[in-house]
């Protein structure tokens, strides 16, 4: 009976997505699709997988929705508390390490529903622009070119491996991220519902509006 319950639960929490992050000469670009799934069911076509944890730091979310949302809110709260207590804004690396610790603890908790969450964190601080991959096991990787996550990442990687060049501008990076996610949506049935893109530059994090995205898909 227990085995049957576990199997049903695992089927219920299957998730799919495509998130992308790339490093540019003048900033970071993050993007994600907008579809949330449970097995073969599309449960939400307009979910946002980009989350501001600070004015200059944004994460993409993949995995079990409840865990990803909770850890994102905890990370945002911890960053705000540290700034209040010390009067100093945590660096992107400090924030990434803190979130990685939360992911590490979460995946190792006993639960009927696996607490799987995968984040990409991009941001800027006094040291410049940074992009980190926070894998579902709690490991942390400093990325110096590009990274993808989710079920559509195989298709997205194909585009990035072919078209990414070191020193790419943010303007061209936005177009490339859209192409990569668009390629994933054509072949991965768990990715879809539209595209969201955020650029992080010297002016901070800025969301690319839907109209701009549609124009770039047509290029």
N, C-alpha and C. Protein backbone atom coordinates (compact mmCIF):
# COMPACT_ATOMS: atom_id res chain seq x y z
N UNK A 1 0.83 -1.21 0.00
CA UNK A 1 0.00 0.00 0.00
C UNK A 1 0.86 1.25 0.00
N UNK A 2 1.89 1.25 0.86
CA UNK A 2 2.78 2.42 0.95
C UNK A 2 3.50 2.62 -0.36
N UNK A 3 3.96 1.51 -0.98
CA UNK A 3 4.65 1.62 -2.26
C UNK A 3 3.75 2.26 -3.31
N UNK A 4 2.48 1.87 -3.31
CA UNK A 4 1.54 2.43 -4.26
C UNK A 4 1.33 3.92 -4.05
N UNK A 5 1.26 4.33 -2.77
CA UNK A 5 1.09 5.75 -2.45
C UNK A 5 2.29 6.55 -2.92
N UNK A 6 3.51 6.01 -2.69
CA UNK A 6 4.73 6.71 -3.09
C UNK A 6 4.79 6.85 -4.60
N UNK A 7 4.42 5.78 -5.33
CA UNK A 7 4.43 5.84 -6.79
C UNK A 7 3.44 6.88 -7.30
N UNK A 8 2.23 6.94 -6.69
CA UNK A 8 1.25 7.92 -7.10
C UNK A 8 1.74 9.33 -6.82
N UNK A 9 2.38 9.52 -5.67
CA UNK A 9 2.90 10.84 -5.31
C UNK A 9 3.98 11.27 -6.27
N UNK A 10 4.89 10.36 -6.64
CA UNK A 10 5.95 10.70 -7.58
C UNK A 10 5.38 11.10 -8.93
N UNK A 11 4.31 10.42 -9.36
CA UNK A 11 3.67 10.79 -10.62
C UNK A 11 3.05 12.18 -10.52
N UNK A 12 2.52 12.50 -9.34
CA UNK A 12 1.81 13.76 -9.16
C UNK A 12 2.75 14.97 -9.22
N UNK A 13 3.99 14.79 -8.74
CA UNK A 13 4.87 15.94 -8.63
C UNK A 13 5.87 16.06 -9.78
N UNK A 14 5.72 15.26 -10.83
CA UNK A 14 6.60 15.42 -11.98
C UNK A 14 6.45 16.82 -12.55
N UNK A 15 7.57 17.42 -12.79
CA UNK A 15 7.55 18.80 -13.27
C UNK A 15 8.42 18.93 -14.50
N UNK A 16 8.14 19.92 -15.32
CA UNK A 16 8.97 20.20 -16.49
C UNK A 16 9.06 21.70 -16.69
N UNK A 17 10.17 22.13 -17.25
CA UNK A 17 10.36 23.57 -17.47
C UNK A 17 11.60 23.78 -18.32
N UNK A 18 11.82 25.01 -18.70
CA UNK A 18 13.07 25.41 -19.34
C UNK A 18 13.48 26.76 -18.79
N UNK A 19 14.63 26.82 -18.14
CA UNK A 19 15.18 28.10 -17.69
C UNK A 19 16.60 28.23 -18.23
N UNK A 20 16.98 29.46 -18.54
CA UNK A 20 18.28 29.73 -19.17
C UNK A 20 18.92 30.94 -18.52
N UNK A 21 20.23 30.89 -18.36
CA UNK A 21 21.00 32.04 -17.88
C UNK A 21 22.27 32.18 -18.69
N UNK A 22 22.62 33.38 -19.11
CA UNK A 22 23.86 33.58 -19.85
C UNK A 22 24.61 34.80 -19.31
N UNK A 23 25.94 34.72 -19.42
CA UNK A 23 26.81 35.81 -18.99
C UNK A 23 27.16 36.67 -20.20
N UNK A 24 26.95 37.96 -20.07
CA UNK A 24 27.26 38.90 -21.15
C UNK A 24 28.36 39.86 -20.70
N UNK A 25 28.92 40.58 -21.64
CA UNK A 25 30.00 41.50 -21.29
C UNK A 25 29.50 42.66 -20.42
N UNK A 26 28.22 42.98 -20.54
CA UNK A 26 27.66 44.11 -19.79
C UNK A 26 26.50 43.71 -18.89
N UNK A 27 26.44 42.42 -18.53
CA UNK A 27 25.38 42.02 -17.62
C UNK A 27 25.06 40.54 -17.68
N UNK A 28 23.91 40.20 -17.13
CA UNK A 28 23.40 38.82 -17.09
C UNK A 28 22.00 38.81 -17.69
N UNK A 29 21.66 37.75 -18.41
CA UNK A 29 20.31 37.59 -18.93
C UNK A 29 19.75 36.26 -18.43
N UNK A 30 18.57 36.30 -17.86
CA UNK A 30 17.87 35.11 -17.38
C UNK A 30 16.52 35.00 -18.09
N UNK A 31 16.11 33.78 -18.36
CA UNK A 31 14.82 33.60 -19.01
C UNK A 31 14.19 32.27 -18.63
N UNK A 32 12.87 32.16 -18.82
CA UNK A 32 12.15 30.92 -18.50
C UNK A 32 10.83 30.89 -19.26
N UNK A 33 10.33 29.67 -19.45
CA UNK A 33 9.00 29.53 -20.02
C UNK A 33 7.97 29.77 -18.92
N UNK A 34 6.68 29.58 -19.22
CA UNK A 34 5.65 29.93 -18.23
C UNK A 34 4.65 28.80 -17.97
N UNK A 35 5.04 27.56 -18.25
CA UNK A 35 4.12 26.44 -18.08
C UNK A 35 4.47 25.63 -16.84
N UNK A 36 3.43 25.27 -16.05
CA UNK A 36 3.60 24.38 -14.91
C UNK A 36 2.81 23.11 -15.17
N UNK A 37 3.45 21.96 -14.93
CA UNK A 37 2.80 20.69 -15.23
C UNK A 37 2.79 19.77 -14.02
N UNK A 38 1.86 18.81 -14.03
CA UNK A 38 1.81 17.72 -13.06
C UNK A 38 1.60 16.45 -13.86
N UNK A 39 2.68 15.72 -14.13
CA UNK A 39 2.58 14.59 -15.03
C UNK A 39 2.28 15.09 -16.44
N UNK A 40 1.22 14.58 -17.03
CA UNK A 40 0.83 15.01 -18.38
C UNK A 40 -0.17 16.17 -18.38
N UNK A 41 -0.53 16.64 -17.19
CA UNK A 41 -1.51 17.72 -17.09
C UNK A 41 -0.83 19.08 -17.02
N UNK A 42 -1.27 20.02 -17.84
CA UNK A 42 -0.81 21.41 -17.76
C UNK A 42 -1.69 22.11 -16.75
N UNK A 43 -1.14 22.42 -15.58
CA UNK A 43 -1.95 22.98 -14.51
C UNK A 43 -1.94 24.51 -14.50
N UNK A 44 -0.97 25.12 -15.15
CA UNK A 44 -0.92 26.58 -15.20
C UNK A 44 -0.15 27.00 -16.45
N UNK A 45 -0.73 27.91 -17.23
CA UNK A 45 -0.09 28.38 -18.46
C UNK A 45 0.61 29.73 -18.31
N UNK A 46 0.46 30.35 -17.13
CA UNK A 46 0.98 31.71 -16.97
C UNK A 46 1.78 31.87 -15.68
N UNK A 47 2.39 30.80 -15.21
CA UNK A 47 3.16 30.91 -13.97
C UNK A 47 4.47 31.64 -14.23
N UNK A 48 4.90 32.43 -13.25
CA UNK A 48 6.18 33.13 -13.38
C UNK A 48 7.27 32.32 -12.69
N UNK A 49 8.35 32.06 -13.41
CA UNK A 49 9.48 31.30 -12.87
C UNK A 49 10.69 32.19 -12.62
N UNK A 50 10.49 33.50 -12.71
CA UNK A 50 11.54 34.47 -12.40
C UNK A 50 11.14 35.20 -11.13
N UNK A 51 12.05 35.29 -10.16
CA UNK A 51 11.70 35.84 -8.86
C UNK A 51 12.82 36.75 -8.36
N UNK A 52 12.45 37.99 -8.01
CA UNK A 52 13.40 38.95 -7.47
C UNK A 52 13.67 38.64 -6.00
N UNK A 53 14.93 38.34 -5.64
CA UNK A 53 15.27 38.18 -4.23
C UNK A 53 15.93 39.45 -3.70
N UNK A 54 16.21 40.38 -4.59
CA UNK A 54 16.70 41.71 -4.25
C UNK A 54 16.61 42.55 -5.51
N UNK A 55 16.79 43.86 -5.38
CA UNK A 55 16.69 44.74 -6.55
C UNK A 55 17.67 44.36 -7.65
N UNK A 56 18.82 43.79 -7.26
CA UNK A 56 19.87 43.47 -8.23
C UNK A 56 20.12 41.98 -8.37
N UNK A 57 19.25 41.14 -7.81
CA UNK A 57 19.41 39.69 -7.90
C UNK A 57 18.09 39.02 -8.24
N UNK A 58 18.15 38.13 -9.22
CA UNK A 58 16.95 37.42 -9.68
C UNK A 58 17.29 35.94 -9.80
N UNK A 59 16.33 35.08 -9.49
CA UNK A 59 16.51 33.64 -9.66
C UNK A 59 15.46 33.08 -10.61
N UNK A 60 15.82 32.00 -11.29
CA UNK A 60 14.85 31.22 -12.04
C UNK A 60 14.54 29.98 -11.22
N UNK A 61 13.32 29.46 -11.35
CA UNK A 61 12.89 28.33 -10.54
C UNK A 61 12.50 27.14 -11.41
N UNK A 62 12.92 25.95 -10.97
CA UNK A 62 12.50 24.70 -11.61
C UNK A 62 12.36 23.66 -10.51
N UNK A 63 11.49 22.67 -10.75
CA UNK A 63 11.31 21.60 -9.77
C UNK A 63 9.90 21.58 -9.21
N UNK A 64 9.77 21.08 -7.99
CA UNK A 64 8.48 21.04 -7.32
C UNK A 64 8.08 22.46 -6.94
N UNK A 65 6.94 22.91 -7.42
CA UNK A 65 6.54 24.31 -7.30
C UNK A 65 6.53 24.79 -5.86
N UNK A 66 5.93 24.01 -4.95
CA UNK A 66 5.80 24.45 -3.56
C UNK A 66 7.17 24.68 -2.93
N UNK A 67 8.10 23.77 -3.17
CA UNK A 67 9.44 23.90 -2.59
C UNK A 67 10.18 25.10 -3.19
N UNK A 68 10.10 25.24 -4.51
CA UNK A 68 10.79 26.35 -5.18
C UNK A 68 10.27 27.70 -4.69
N UNK A 69 8.94 27.81 -4.55
CA UNK A 69 8.36 29.07 -4.09
C UNK A 69 8.74 29.37 -2.64
N UNK A 70 8.70 28.35 -1.78
CA UNK A 70 9.02 28.55 -0.37
C UNK A 70 10.49 28.94 -0.19
N UNK A 71 11.39 28.24 -0.85
CA UNK A 71 12.82 28.53 -0.71
C UNK A 71 13.14 29.91 -1.27
N UNK A 72 12.45 30.32 -2.33
CA UNK A 72 12.66 31.66 -2.89
C UNK A 72 12.28 32.74 -1.89
N UNK A 73 11.14 32.56 -1.23
CA UNK A 73 10.69 33.54 -0.23
C UNK A 73 11.62 33.56 0.99
N UNK A 74 12.08 32.37 1.40
CA UNK A 74 13.02 32.31 2.53
C UNK A 74 14.32 33.02 2.19
N UNK A 75 14.81 32.83 0.96
CA UNK A 75 16.05 33.48 0.54
C UNK A 75 15.89 35.00 0.53
N UNK A 76 14.78 35.47 0.02
CA UNK A 76 14.52 36.91 -0.01
C UNK A 76 14.46 37.48 1.40
N UNK A 77 13.82 36.76 2.31
CA UNK A 77 13.70 37.23 3.70
C UNK A 77 15.06 37.25 4.39
N UNK A 78 15.87 36.22 4.18
CA UNK A 78 17.18 36.15 4.81
C UNK A 78 18.10 37.27 4.32
N UNK A 79 18.03 37.58 3.04
CA UNK A 79 18.84 38.67 2.49
C UNK A 79 18.42 40.01 3.09
N UNK A 80 17.12 40.22 3.19
CA UNK A 80 16.61 41.46 3.78
C UNK A 80 17.01 41.58 5.25
N UNK A 81 16.93 40.47 6.00
CA UNK A 81 17.30 40.48 7.41
C UNK A 81 18.78 40.79 7.60
N UNK A 82 19.62 40.20 6.76
CA UNK A 82 21.06 40.45 6.89
C UNK A 82 21.38 41.91 6.61
N UNK A 83 20.69 42.50 5.63
CA UNK A 83 20.93 43.90 5.31
C UNK A 83 20.50 44.81 6.46
N UNK A 84 19.39 44.45 7.11
CA UNK A 84 18.91 45.24 8.26
C UNK A 84 19.86 45.12 9.45
N UNK A 85 20.32 43.89 9.71
CA UNK A 85 21.16 43.66 10.89
C UNK A 85 22.56 44.23 10.74
N UNK A 86 23.13 44.15 9.54
CA UNK A 86 24.53 44.56 9.34
C UNK A 86 24.67 45.91 8.65
N UNK A 87 23.61 46.34 7.96
CA UNK A 87 23.70 47.57 7.19
C UNK A 87 24.47 47.39 5.90
N UNK A 88 24.78 46.14 5.56
CA UNK A 88 25.54 45.83 4.35
C UNK A 88 24.72 44.88 3.47
N UNK A 89 24.71 45.18 2.19
CA UNK A 89 23.99 44.32 1.26
C UNK A 89 24.82 43.06 0.98
N UNK A 90 24.27 41.86 1.19
CA UNK A 90 25.01 40.63 0.90
C UNK A 90 25.44 40.58 -0.57
N UNK A 91 26.61 40.05 -0.83
CA UNK A 91 27.08 39.91 -2.20
C UNK A 91 26.29 38.81 -2.91
N UNK A 92 26.44 38.74 -4.22
CA UNK A 92 25.76 37.70 -4.98
C UNK A 92 26.27 36.33 -4.55
N UNK A 93 27.57 36.20 -4.32
CA UNK A 93 28.14 34.93 -3.89
C UNK A 93 27.60 34.51 -2.53
N UNK A 94 27.51 35.44 -1.59
CA UNK A 94 26.96 35.12 -0.27
C UNK A 94 25.52 34.66 -0.38
N UNK A 95 24.75 35.35 -1.20
CA UNK A 95 23.34 35.00 -1.39
C UNK A 95 23.20 33.62 -2.03
N UNK A 96 24.06 33.33 -3.00
CA UNK A 96 24.02 32.03 -3.67
C UNK A 96 24.37 30.91 -2.68
N UNK A 97 25.38 31.13 -1.84
CA UNK A 97 25.75 30.13 -0.84
C UNK A 97 24.63 29.89 0.16
N UNK A 98 23.96 30.96 0.55
CA UNK A 98 22.85 30.83 1.50
C UNK A 98 21.71 30.01 0.89
N UNK A 99 21.34 30.32 -0.36
CA UNK A 99 20.26 29.59 -1.02
C UNK A 99 20.65 28.14 -1.27
N UNK A 100 21.91 27.90 -1.62
CA UNK A 100 22.37 26.53 -1.82
C UNK A 100 22.24 25.72 -0.54
N UNK A 101 22.50 26.35 0.61
CA UNK A 101 22.33 25.68 1.89
C UNK A 101 20.89 25.31 2.15
N UNK A 102 19.97 26.18 1.77
CA UNK A 102 18.55 25.90 1.94
C UNK A 102 18.13 24.72 1.05
N UNK A 103 18.64 24.70 -0.19
CA UNK A 103 18.32 23.60 -1.11
C UNK A 103 18.88 22.28 -0.57
N UNK A 104 20.11 22.32 -0.07
CA UNK A 104 20.76 21.12 0.49
C UNK A 104 19.93 20.55 1.64
N UNK A 105 19.49 21.41 2.54
CA UNK A 105 18.69 20.95 3.69
C UNK A 105 17.34 20.42 3.24
N UNK A 106 16.74 21.08 2.27
CA UNK A 106 15.39 20.73 1.84
C UNK A 106 15.33 19.36 1.17
N UNK A 107 16.31 19.05 0.32
CA UNK A 107 16.26 17.80 -0.44
C UNK A 107 16.51 16.60 0.47
N UNK A 108 17.10 16.84 1.66
CA UNK A 108 17.43 15.74 2.56
C UNK A 108 16.41 15.53 3.68
N UNK A 109 15.32 16.25 3.62
CA UNK A 109 14.25 16.05 4.59
C UNK A 109 13.37 14.87 4.18
N UNK A 110 12.96 14.06 5.16
CA UNK A 110 12.05 12.95 4.87
C UNK A 110 10.67 13.51 4.53
N UNK A 111 10.14 13.10 3.37
CA UNK A 111 8.82 13.61 2.95
C UNK A 111 8.21 12.66 1.94
N UNK A 112 6.88 12.60 1.93
CA UNK A 112 6.16 11.81 0.92
C UNK A 112 6.30 12.42 -0.46
N UNK A 113 6.52 13.74 -0.49
CA UNK A 113 6.70 14.45 -1.76
C UNK A 113 8.15 14.92 -1.84
N UNK A 114 8.91 14.47 -2.82
CA UNK A 114 10.32 14.87 -2.93
C UNK A 114 10.45 16.39 -3.08
N UNK A 115 11.30 16.99 -2.25
CA UNK A 115 11.50 18.44 -2.31
C UNK A 115 12.57 18.84 -3.30
N UNK A 116 12.27 18.68 -4.58
CA UNK A 116 13.26 18.95 -5.63
C UNK A 116 13.13 20.40 -6.11
N UNK A 117 14.24 21.12 -6.09
CA UNK A 117 14.23 22.50 -6.58
C UNK A 117 15.59 22.83 -7.19
N UNK A 118 15.56 23.51 -8.32
CA UNK A 118 16.77 23.87 -9.05
C UNK A 118 16.68 25.35 -9.40
N UNK A 119 17.70 26.11 -9.01
CA UNK A 119 17.69 27.55 -9.23
C UNK A 119 18.89 28.01 -10.06
N UNK A 120 18.67 29.04 -10.85
CA UNK A 120 19.76 29.80 -11.45
C UNK A 120 19.69 31.19 -10.83
N UNK A 121 20.81 31.69 -10.34
CA UNK A 121 20.83 32.99 -9.67
C UNK A 121 21.77 33.93 -10.41
N UNK A 122 21.24 35.06 -10.84
CA UNK A 122 22.05 36.08 -11.49
C UNK A 122 21.94 37.38 -10.72
N UNK A 123 23.01 38.13 -10.69
CA UNK A 123 22.96 39.41 -9.98
C UNK A 123 24.21 40.24 -10.18
N UNK A 124 24.19 41.42 -9.59
CA UNK A 124 25.36 42.30 -9.64
C UNK A 124 25.62 42.86 -8.25
N UNK A 125 26.92 43.07 -7.97
CA UNK A 125 27.33 43.69 -6.72
C UNK A 125 28.59 44.49 -6.99
N UNK A 126 29.33 44.81 -5.95
CA UNK A 126 30.54 45.62 -6.12
C UNK A 126 31.63 44.92 -6.91
N UNK A 127 31.54 43.60 -7.00
CA UNK A 127 32.54 42.82 -7.73
C UNK A 127 32.18 42.62 -9.19
N UNK A 128 30.98 43.00 -9.58
CA UNK A 128 30.56 42.86 -10.97
C UNK A 128 29.33 41.99 -11.11
N UNK A 129 29.22 41.35 -12.26
CA UNK A 129 28.06 40.50 -12.56
C UNK A 129 28.41 39.04 -12.31
N UNK A 130 27.45 38.30 -11.72
CA UNK A 130 27.68 36.91 -11.38
C UNK A 130 26.48 36.05 -11.77
N UNK A 131 26.76 34.82 -12.17
CA UNK A 131 25.71 33.85 -12.48
C UNK A 131 26.07 32.53 -11.82
N UNK A 132 25.12 31.96 -11.07
CA UNK A 132 25.35 30.71 -10.35
C UNK A 132 24.28 29.68 -10.69
N UNK A 133 24.73 28.41 -10.72
CA UNK A 133 23.82 27.28 -10.88
C UNK A 133 23.69 26.60 -9.53
N UNK A 134 22.47 26.59 -8.97
CA UNK A 134 22.20 25.92 -7.69
C UNK A 134 21.43 24.65 -7.99
N UNK A 135 22.16 23.55 -8.09
CA UNK A 135 21.55 22.29 -8.52
C UNK A 135 20.64 21.73 -7.43
N UNK A 136 19.82 20.77 -7.82
CA UNK A 136 18.79 20.24 -6.92
C UNK A 136 19.37 19.51 -5.71
N UNK A 137 20.65 19.12 -5.76
CA UNK A 137 21.26 18.44 -4.61
C UNK A 137 21.92 19.41 -3.63
N UNK A 138 21.85 20.71 -3.94
CA UNK A 138 22.44 21.72 -3.07
C UNK A 138 23.82 22.16 -3.48
N UNK A 139 24.35 21.59 -4.56
CA UNK A 139 25.67 22.00 -5.04
C UNK A 139 25.59 23.37 -5.72
N UNK A 140 26.72 24.06 -5.72
CA UNK A 140 26.78 25.43 -6.25
C UNK A 140 27.90 25.54 -7.27
N UNK A 141 27.58 26.09 -8.45
CA UNK A 141 28.58 26.23 -9.51
C UNK A 141 28.59 27.66 -10.03
N UNK A 142 29.78 28.24 -10.10
CA UNK A 142 29.97 29.58 -10.67
C UNK A 142 30.02 29.44 -12.19
N UNK A 143 29.10 30.09 -12.88
CA UNK A 143 28.98 29.95 -14.34
C UNK A 143 29.61 31.16 -15.03
N UNK A 144 30.46 30.91 -16.04
CA UNK A 144 31.10 32.02 -16.74
C UNK A 144 30.66 32.15 -18.20
N UNK A 145 29.69 31.31 -18.62
CA UNK A 145 29.18 31.43 -19.99
C UNK A 145 27.65 31.28 -20.02
N UNK A 146 27.15 30.05 -19.96
CA UNK A 146 25.69 29.86 -19.97
C UNK A 146 25.33 28.60 -19.22
N UNK A 147 24.06 28.52 -18.83
CA UNK A 147 23.55 27.37 -18.08
C UNK A 147 22.05 27.23 -18.33
N UNK A 148 21.56 26.00 -18.33
CA UNK A 148 20.12 25.74 -18.50
C UNK A 148 19.66 24.76 -17.42
N UNK A 149 18.36 24.73 -17.18
CA UNK A 149 17.78 23.74 -16.27
C UNK A 149 16.42 23.33 -16.79
N UNK A 150 15.95 22.19 -16.32
CA UNK A 150 14.61 21.74 -16.67
C UNK A 150 14.58 20.73 -17.80
N UNK A 151 13.39 20.21 -18.07
CA UNK A 151 13.21 19.16 -19.06
C UNK A 151 13.51 19.63 -20.48
N UNK A 152 13.41 20.93 -20.74
CA UNK A 152 13.69 21.45 -22.08
C UNK A 152 15.13 21.90 -22.25
N UNK A 153 15.97 21.63 -21.26
CA UNK A 153 17.34 22.14 -21.31
C UNK A 153 18.17 21.53 -22.43
N UNK A 154 17.86 20.28 -22.83
CA UNK A 154 18.62 19.64 -23.90
C UNK A 154 18.51 20.43 -25.19
N UNK A 155 17.28 20.83 -25.54
CA UNK A 155 17.08 21.62 -26.75
C UNK A 155 17.69 23.01 -26.61
N UNK A 156 17.54 23.61 -25.43
CA UNK A 156 18.08 24.95 -25.22
C UNK A 156 19.61 24.94 -25.31
N UNK A 157 20.23 23.91 -24.75
CA UNK A 157 21.69 23.80 -24.81
C UNK A 157 22.18 23.72 -26.26
N UNK A 158 21.43 23.03 -27.13
CA UNK A 158 21.81 22.93 -28.53
C UNK A 158 21.93 24.29 -29.19
N UNK A 159 20.98 25.18 -28.87
CA UNK A 159 21.02 26.54 -29.42
C UNK A 159 22.18 27.32 -28.84
N UNK A 160 22.35 27.24 -27.53
CA UNK A 160 23.41 28.01 -26.87
C UNK A 160 24.81 27.55 -27.29
N UNK A 161 25.01 26.24 -27.42
CA UNK A 161 26.31 25.72 -27.83
C UNK A 161 26.68 26.21 -29.23
N UNK A 162 25.66 26.41 -30.05
CA UNK A 162 25.90 26.83 -31.43
C UNK A 162 26.08 28.33 -31.57
N UNK A 163 25.29 29.11 -30.84
CA UNK A 163 25.22 30.55 -31.09
C UNK A 163 25.88 31.44 -30.04
N UNK A 164 26.15 30.90 -28.84
CA UNK A 164 26.75 31.75 -27.81
C UNK A 164 28.21 32.06 -28.14
N UNK A 165 28.59 33.32 -27.95
CA UNK A 165 29.99 33.73 -28.11
C UNK A 165 30.40 34.55 -26.89
N UNK A 166 31.60 34.34 -26.36
CA UNK A 166 32.07 35.13 -25.22
C UNK A 166 32.06 36.62 -25.56
N UNK A 167 31.67 37.45 -24.61
CA UNK A 167 31.63 38.88 -24.85
C UNK A 167 30.36 39.35 -25.54
N UNK A 168 29.34 38.50 -25.59
CA UNK A 168 28.06 38.88 -26.19
C UNK A 168 27.44 40.01 -25.39
N UNK A 169 26.75 40.92 -26.06
CA UNK A 169 26.09 42.03 -25.38
C UNK A 169 24.77 41.57 -24.78
N UNK A 170 24.26 42.35 -23.83
CA UNK A 170 22.96 42.03 -23.23
C UNK A 170 21.86 42.07 -24.28
N UNK A 171 21.93 43.04 -25.19
CA UNK A 171 20.91 43.16 -26.23
C UNK A 171 20.85 41.89 -27.08
N UNK A 172 22.01 41.39 -27.49
CA UNK A 172 22.04 40.15 -28.27
C UNK A 172 21.76 38.94 -27.38
N UNK A 173 22.13 39.04 -26.10
CA UNK A 173 21.88 37.95 -25.17
C UNK A 173 20.39 37.70 -24.97
N UNK A 174 19.62 38.78 -24.94
CA UNK A 174 18.16 38.64 -24.81
C UNK A 174 17.60 37.86 -25.98
N UNK A 175 18.05 38.19 -27.19
CA UNK A 175 17.59 37.48 -28.38
C UNK A 175 17.98 36.00 -28.31
N UNK A 176 19.19 35.73 -27.84
CA UNK A 176 19.67 34.35 -27.78
C UNK A 176 18.89 33.53 -26.75
N UNK A 177 18.61 34.11 -25.60
CA UNK A 177 17.84 33.41 -24.57
C UNK A 177 16.44 33.07 -25.09
N UNK A 178 15.83 34.01 -25.79
CA UNK A 178 14.50 33.77 -26.35
C UNK A 178 14.55 32.64 -27.37
N UNK A 179 15.58 32.63 -28.23
CA UNK A 179 15.71 31.56 -29.22
C UNK A 179 15.89 30.20 -28.55
N UNK A 180 16.68 30.16 -27.49
CA UNK A 180 16.93 28.90 -26.80
C UNK A 180 15.67 28.35 -26.15
N UNK A 181 14.91 29.23 -25.48
CA UNK A 181 13.67 28.78 -24.83
C UNK A 181 12.62 28.43 -25.87
N UNK A 182 12.58 29.20 -26.94
CA UNK A 182 11.62 28.93 -28.01
C UNK A 182 11.89 27.56 -28.64
N UNK A 183 13.16 27.20 -28.80
CA UNK A 183 13.52 25.89 -29.35
C UNK A 183 13.04 24.77 -28.42
N UNK A 184 13.20 24.99 -27.11
CA UNK A 184 12.74 23.99 -26.14
C UNK A 184 11.23 23.82 -26.19
N UNK A 185 10.51 24.92 -26.33
CA UNK A 185 9.05 24.85 -26.35
C UNK A 185 8.53 24.11 -27.58
N UNK A 186 9.32 24.07 -28.65
CA UNK A 186 8.88 23.38 -29.86
C UNK A 186 8.93 21.87 -29.71
N UNK A 187 9.80 21.37 -28.79
CA UNK A 187 9.99 19.92 -28.68
C UNK A 187 9.69 19.33 -27.30
N UNK A 188 9.66 20.16 -26.29
CA UNK A 188 9.40 19.69 -24.92
C UNK A 188 7.98 20.05 -24.53
N UNK A 189 7.12 19.03 -24.35
CA UNK A 189 5.72 19.34 -24.05
C UNK A 189 5.51 19.87 -22.64
N UNK A 190 6.53 19.84 -21.79
CA UNK A 190 6.40 20.40 -20.44
C UNK A 190 6.83 21.87 -20.39
N UNK A 191 7.29 22.40 -21.52
CA UNK A 191 7.68 23.81 -21.59
C UNK A 191 6.74 24.54 -22.54
N UNK A 192 6.31 25.73 -22.16
CA UNK A 192 5.40 26.49 -23.03
C UNK A 192 4.75 27.63 -22.28
N UNK A 193 3.67 28.16 -22.85
CA UNK A 193 2.91 29.21 -22.20
C UNK A 193 3.47 30.61 -22.35
N UNK A 194 4.57 30.74 -23.09
CA UNK A 194 5.17 32.06 -23.24
C UNK A 194 6.58 32.09 -22.67
N UNK A 195 7.20 33.25 -22.75
CA UNK A 195 8.58 33.41 -22.32
C UNK A 195 8.71 34.68 -21.48
N UNK A 196 9.47 34.58 -20.40
CA UNK A 196 9.83 35.74 -19.59
C UNK A 196 11.35 35.89 -19.62
N UNK A 197 11.81 37.12 -19.74
CA UNK A 197 13.25 37.37 -19.76
C UNK A 197 13.56 38.57 -18.88
N UNK A 198 14.64 38.46 -18.10
CA UNK A 198 15.12 39.55 -17.27
C UNK A 198 16.57 39.84 -17.62
N UNK A 199 16.90 41.12 -17.75
CA UNK A 199 18.29 41.52 -17.93
C UNK A 199 18.78 42.20 -16.66
N UNK A 200 20.02 41.90 -16.27
CA UNK A 200 20.64 42.52 -15.10
C UNK A 200 21.86 43.29 -15.59
N UNK A 201 21.78 44.59 -15.52
CA UNK A 201 22.84 45.45 -16.02
C UNK A 201 23.28 46.41 -14.91
N UNK A 202 24.06 47.41 -15.28
CA UNK A 202 24.51 48.41 -14.31
C UNK A 202 23.34 49.17 -13.71
N UNK A 203 22.21 49.20 -14.40
CA UNK A 203 21.01 49.88 -13.92
C UNK A 203 20.14 48.99 -13.04
N UNK A 204 20.56 47.73 -12.82
CA UNK A 204 19.78 46.81 -12.01
C UNK A 204 19.04 45.80 -12.86
N UNK A 205 18.13 45.07 -12.23
CA UNK A 205 17.37 44.02 -12.92
C UNK A 205 16.12 44.61 -13.56
N UNK A 206 15.91 44.28 -14.81
CA UNK A 206 14.77 44.80 -15.56
C UNK A 206 14.10 43.68 -16.33
N UNK A 207 12.78 43.60 -16.21
CA UNK A 207 12.02 42.59 -16.93
C UNK A 207 11.78 43.03 -18.37
N UNK A 208 11.99 42.11 -19.31
CA UNK A 208 11.70 42.38 -20.71
C UNK A 208 10.21 42.11 -20.93
N UNK A 209 9.50 43.10 -21.44
CA UNK A 209 8.04 42.97 -21.55
C UNK A 209 7.67 42.01 -22.67
N UNK A 210 6.43 41.53 -22.65
CA UNK A 210 5.97 40.53 -23.61
C UNK A 210 6.05 41.03 -25.05
N UNK A 211 5.78 42.28 -25.27
CA UNK A 211 5.82 42.82 -26.62
C UNK A 211 7.22 42.73 -27.20
N UNK A 212 8.22 43.06 -26.40
CA UNK A 212 9.61 42.98 -26.84
C UNK A 212 10.01 41.53 -27.13
N UNK A 213 9.53 40.63 -26.29
CA UNK A 213 9.83 39.22 -26.49
C UNK A 213 9.26 38.73 -27.81
N UNK A 214 8.02 39.08 -28.10
CA UNK A 214 7.38 38.62 -29.34
C UNK A 214 8.15 39.14 -30.54
N UNK A 215 8.61 40.37 -30.50
CA UNK A 215 9.38 40.91 -31.60
C UNK A 215 10.69 40.14 -31.80
N UNK A 216 11.31 39.73 -30.70
CA UNK A 216 12.58 39.02 -30.79
C UNK A 216 12.40 37.59 -31.28
N UNK A 217 11.26 36.96 -30.97
CA UNK A 217 11.00 35.61 -31.47
C UNK A 217 10.92 35.62 -32.99
N UNK A 218 10.44 36.71 -33.57
CA UNK A 218 10.25 36.79 -35.01
C UNK A 218 11.56 37.04 -35.75
N UNK A 219 12.61 37.47 -35.05
CA UNK A 219 13.88 37.79 -35.71
C UNK A 219 14.56 36.54 -36.24
